[in-house]
Amino acid sequence: MRKRKYYLSLTDTEYHLVIQCLLDLRNALIAQGKYTDGVDEVIIKLTK
């Protein structure tokens, strides 16, 4: 069974806001000493 693919249609402003929020979340996780693997994967997928 294949996984469904989802596509988001974002404006430039929305795209930059999503990336900034993910980076803020990543920095908060690093400050707490937690793993950032999940957030890193999402950032990579969004920037491709």
PDB file of N, CA and C in Angstrom:
ATOM      1  N   MET A   1       0.846  -1.177   0.000  1.00  0.00           N
ATOM      2  CA  MET A   1       0.000   0.000   0.000  1.00  0.00           C
ATOM      3  C   MET A   1       0.894   1.243   0.000  1.00  0.00           C
ATOM      4  N   ARG A   2       0.621   2.137  -0.915  1.00  0.00           N
ATOM      5  CA  ARG A   2       1.408   3.365  -1.021  1.00  0.00           C
ATOM      6  C   ARG A   2       0.911   4.424  -0.058  1.00  0.00           C
ATOM      7  N   LYS A   3       1.854   5.243   0.377  1.00  0.00           N
ATOM      8  CA  LYS A   3       1.468   6.378   1.205  1.00  0.00           C
ATOM      9  C   LYS A   3       0.920   7.477   0.310  1.00  0.00           C
ATOM     10  N   ARG A   4      -0.049   8.189   0.819  1.00  0.00           N
ATOM     11  CA  ARG A   4      -0.597   9.320   0.073  1.00  0.00           C
ATOM     12  C   ARG A   4       0.368  10.484   0.117  1.00  0.00           C
ATOM     13  N   LYS A   5       0.445  11.216  -0.965  1.00  0.00           N
ATOM     14  CA  LYS A   5       1.252  12.421  -1.000  1.00  0.00           C
ATOM     15  C   LYS A   5       0.327  13.619  -0.873  1.00  0.00           C
ATOM     16  N   TYR A   6       0.769  14.565  -0.108  1.00  0.00           N
ATOM     17  CA  TYR A   6       0.004  15.783   0.076  1.00  0.00           C
ATOM     18  C   TYR A   6       0.834  16.954  -0.429  1.00  0.00           C
ATOM     19  N   TYR A   7       0.177  17.887  -1.072  1.00  0.00           N
ATOM     20  CA  TYR A   7       0.843  19.062  -1.604  1.00  0.00           C
ATOM     21  C   TYR A   7       0.225  20.308  -0.991  1.00  0.00           C
ATOM     22  N   LEU A   8       1.087  21.227  -0.603  1.00  0.00           N
ATOM     23  CA  LEU A   8       0.633  22.492  -0.050  1.00  0.00           C
ATOM     24  C   LEU A   8       0.895  23.600  -1.056  1.00  0.00           C
ATOM     25  N   SER A   9      -0.065  24.455  -1.197  1.00  0.00           N
ATOM     26  CA  SER A   9       0.105  25.625  -2.047  1.00  0.00           C
ATOM     27  C   SER A   9       0.296  26.829  -1.129  1.00  0.00           C
ATOM     28  N   LEU A  10       1.526  27.338  -1.084  1.00  0.00           N
ATOM     29  CA  LEU A  10       1.851  28.437  -0.175  1.00  0.00           C
ATOM     30  C   LEU A  10       2.337  29.647  -0.962  1.00  0.00           C
ATOM     31  N   THR A  11       1.986  30.819  -0.463  1.00  0.00           N
ATOM     32  CA  THR A  11       2.554  32.037  -1.034  1.00  0.00           C
ATOM     33  C   THR A  11       3.982  32.168  -0.510  1.00  0.00           C
ATOM     34  N   ASP A  12       4.736  33.092  -1.065  1.00  0.00           N
ATOM     35  CA  ASP A  12       6.111  33.300  -0.607  1.00  0.00           C
ATOM     36  C   ASP A  12       6.157  33.664   0.875  1.00  0.00           C
ATOM     37  N   THR A  13       5.236  34.500   1.292  1.00  0.00           N
ATOM     38  CA  THR A  13       5.186  34.918   2.690  1.00  0.00           C
ATOM     39  C   THR A  13       4.887  33.736   3.605  1.00  0.00           C
ATOM     40  N   GLU A  14       3.925  32.907   3.230  1.00  0.00           N
ATOM     41  CA  GLU A  14       3.574  31.738   4.029  1.00  0.00           C
ATOM     42  C   GLU A  14       4.736  30.752   4.086  1.00  0.00           C
ATOM     43  N   TYR A  15       5.406  30.571   2.952  1.00  0.00           N
ATOM     44  CA  TYR A  15       6.545  29.657   2.875  1.00  0.00           C
ATOM     45  C   TYR A  15       7.650  30.097   3.843  1.00  0.00           C
ATOM     46  N   HIS A  16       7.988  31.378   3.819  1.00  0.00           N
ATOM     47  CA  HIS A  16       9.030  31.887   4.709  1.00  0.00           C
ATOM     48  C   HIS A  16       8.611  31.789   6.170  1.00  0.00           C
ATOM     49  N   LEU A  17       7.341  32.004   6.457  1.00  0.00           N
ATOM     50  CA  LEU A  17       6.841  31.895   7.828  1.00  0.00           C
ATOM     51  C   LEU A  17       6.944  30.456   8.327  1.00  0.00           C
ATOM     52  N   VAL A  18       6.588  29.484   7.499  1.00  0.00           N
ATOM     53  CA  VAL A  18       6.676  28.071   7.887  1.00  0.00           C
ATOM     54  C   VAL A  18       8.125  27.692   8.164  1.00  0.00           C
ATOM     55  N   ILE A  19       9.036  28.085   7.282  1.00  0.00           N
ATOM     56  CA  ILE A  19      10.448  27.773   7.470  1.00  0.00           C
ATOM     57  C   ILE A  19      10.967  28.412   8.760  1.00  0.00           C
ATOM     58  N   GLN A  20      10.612  29.672   9.006  1.00  0.00           N
ATOM     59  CA  GLN A  20      11.072  30.355  10.213  1.00  0.00           C
ATOM     60  C   GLN A  20      10.532  29.680  11.472  1.00  0.00           C
ATOM     61  N   CYS A  21       9.281  29.269  11.463  1.00  0.00           N
ATOM     62  CA  CYS A  21       8.705  28.591  12.628  1.00  0.00           C
ATOM     63  C   CYS A  21       9.386  27.249  12.876  1.00  0.00           C
ATOM     64  N   LEU A  22       9.690  26.521  11.807  1.00  0.00           N
ATOM     65  CA  LEU A  22      10.393  25.248  11.967  1.00  0.00           C
ATOM     66  C   LEU A  22      11.802  25.454  12.521  1.00  0.00           C
ATOM     67  N   LEU A  23      12.472  26.491  12.063  1.00  0.00           N
ATOM     68  CA  LEU A  23      13.809  26.786  12.592  1.00  0.00           C
ATOM     69  C   LEU A  23      13.745  27.188  14.063  1.00  0.00           C
ATOM     70  N   ASP A  24      12.726  27.958  14.434  1.00  0.00           N
ATOM     71  CA  ASP A  24      12.544  28.330  15.839  1.00  0.00           C
ATOM     72  C   ASP A  24      12.292  27.088  16.701  1.00  0.00           C
ATOM     73  N   LEU A  25      11.459  26.171  16.188  1.00  0.00           N
ATOM     74  CA  LEU A  25      11.184  24.925  16.904  1.00  0.00           C
ATOM     75  C   LEU A  25      12.457  24.097  17.043  1.00  0.00           C
ATOM     76  N   ARG A  26      13.237  24.018  15.976  1.00  0.00           N
ATOM     77  CA  ARG A  26      14.493  23.272  16.004  1.00  0.00           C
ATOM     78  C   ARG A  26      15.447  23.856  17.042  1.00  0.00           C
ATOM     79  N   ASN A  27      15.564  25.176  17.076  1.00  0.00           N
ATOM     80  CA  ASN A  27      16.445  25.827  18.050  1.00  0.00           C
ATOM     81  C   ASN A  27      15.975  25.580  19.476  1.00  0.00           C
ATOM     82  N   ALA A  28      14.659  25.584  19.696  1.00  0.00           N
ATOM     83  CA  ALA A  28      14.119  25.318  21.031  1.00  0.00           C
ATOM     84  C   ALA A  28      14.417  23.882  21.459  1.00  0.00           C
ATOM     85  N   LEU A  29      14.300  22.947  20.526  1.00  0.00           N
ATOM     86  CA  LEU A  29      14.594  21.551  20.847  1.00  0.00           C
ATOM     87  C   LEU A  29      16.078  21.369  21.167  1.00  0.00           C
ATOM     88  N   ILE A  30      16.929  22.048  20.420  1.00  0.00           N
ATOM     89  CA  ILE A  30      18.367  21.975  20.690  1.00  0.00           C
ATOM     90  C   ILE A  30      18.668  22.540  22.081  1.00  0.00           C
ATOM     91  N   ALA A  31      18.028  23.643  22.431  1.00  0.00           N
ATOM     92  CA  ALA A  31      18.249  24.263  23.740  1.00  0.00           C
ATOM     93  C   ALA A  31      17.806  23.338  24.872  1.00  0.00           C
ATOM     94  N   GLN A  32      16.787  22.509  24.621  1.00  0.00           N
ATOM     95  CA  GLN A  32      16.290  21.577  25.627  1.00  0.00           C
ATOM     96  C   GLN A  32      17.066  20.260  25.623  1.00  0.00           C
ATOM     97  N   GLY A  33      17.957  20.100  24.652  1.00  0.00           N
ATOM     98  CA  GLY A  33      18.741  18.876  24.563  1.00  0.00           C
ATOM     99  C   GLY A  33      17.981  17.717  23.957  1.00  0.00           C
ATOM    100  N   LYS A  34      16.958  18.000  23.185  1.00  0.00           N
ATOM    101  CA  LYS A  34      16.149  16.951  22.561  1.00  0.00           C
ATOM    102  C   LYS A  34      16.574  16.740  21.110  1.00  0.00           C
ATOM    103  N   TYR A  35      16.117  15.632  20.547  1.00  0.00           N
ATOM    104  CA  TYR A  35      16.432  15.306  19.159  1.00  0.00           C
ATOM    105  C   TYR A  35      15.649  16.188  18.197  1.00  0.00           C
ATOM    106  N   THR A  36      16.266  16.521  17.062  1.00  0.00           N
ATOM    107  CA  THR A  36      15.633  17.385  16.070  1.00  0.00           C
ATOM    108  C   THR A  36      15.427  16.665  14.739  1.00  0.00           C
ATOM    109  N   ASP A  37      15.536  15.349  14.739  1.00  0.00           N
ATOM    110  CA  ASP A  37      15.481  14.588  13.493  1.00  0.00           C
ATOM    111  C   ASP A  37      14.193  14.832  12.700  1.00  0.00           C
ATOM    112  N   GLY A  38      13.057  14.812  13.367  1.00  0.00           N
ATOM    113  CA  GLY A  38      11.781  15.001  12.678  1.00  0.00           C
ATOM    114  C   GLY A  38      11.661  16.379  12.046  1.00  0.00           C
ATOM    115  N   VAL A  39      12.053  17.387  12.787  1.00  0.00           N
ATOM    116  CA  VAL A  39      11.991  18.762  12.280  1.00  0.00           C
ATOM    117  C   VAL A  39      12.972  18.936  11.123  1.00  0.00           C
ATOM    118  N   ASP A  40      14.148  18.329  11.258  1.00  0.00           N
ATOM    119  CA  ASP A  40      15.151  18.416  10.180  1.00  0.00           C
ATOM    120  C   ASP A  40      14.617  17.817   8.877  1.00  0.00           C
ATOM    121  N   GLU A  41      13.933  16.687   8.976  1.00  0.00           N
ATOM    122  CA  GLU A  41      13.378  16.048   7.785  1.00  0.00           C
ATOM    123  C   GLU A  41      12.349  16.931   7.102  1.00  0.00           C
ATOM    124  N   VAL A  42      11.502  17.566   7.882  1.00  0.00           N
ATOM    125  CA  VAL A  42      10.470  18.444   7.312  1.00  0.00           C
ATOM    126  C   VAL A  42      11.124  19.652   6.642  1.00  0.00           C
ATOM    127  N   ILE A  43      12.132  20.230   7.263  1.00  0.00           N
ATOM    128  CA  ILE A  43      12.832  21.370   6.676  1.00  0.00           C
ATOM    129  C   ILE A  43      13.461  20.966   5.349  1.00  0.00           C
ATOM    130  N   ILE A  44      14.086  19.806   5.309  1.00  0.00           N
ATOM    131  CA  ILE A  44      14.709  19.343   4.073  1.00  0.00           C
ATOM    132  C   ILE A  44      13.666  19.144   2.985  1.00  0.00           C
ATOM    133  N   LYS A  45      12.532  18.525   3.322  1.00  0.00           N
ATOM    134  CA  LYS A  45      11.490  18.303   2.326  1.00  0.00           C
ATOM    135  C   LYS A  45      10.911  19.611   1.793  1.00  0.00           C
ATOM    136  N   LEU A  46      10.778  20.594   2.659  1.00  0.00           N
ATOM    137  CA  LEU A  46      10.216  21.871   2.226  1.00  0.00           C
ATOM    138  C   LEU A  46      11.184  22.668   1.358  1.00  0.00           C
ATOM    139  N   THR A  47      12.480  22.510   1.582  1.00  0.00           N
ATOM    140  CA  THR A  47      13.439  23.302   0.839  1.00  0.00           C
ATOM    141  C   THR A  47      13.851  22.660  -0.474  1.00  0.00           C
ATOM    142  N   LYS A  48      13.413  21.461  -0.751  1.00  0.00           N
ATOM    143  CA  LYS A  48      13.728  20.812  -2.034  1.00  0.00           C
ATOM    144  C   LYS A  48      12.846  21.349  -3.129  1.00  0.00           C
TER     145      LYS A  48
END
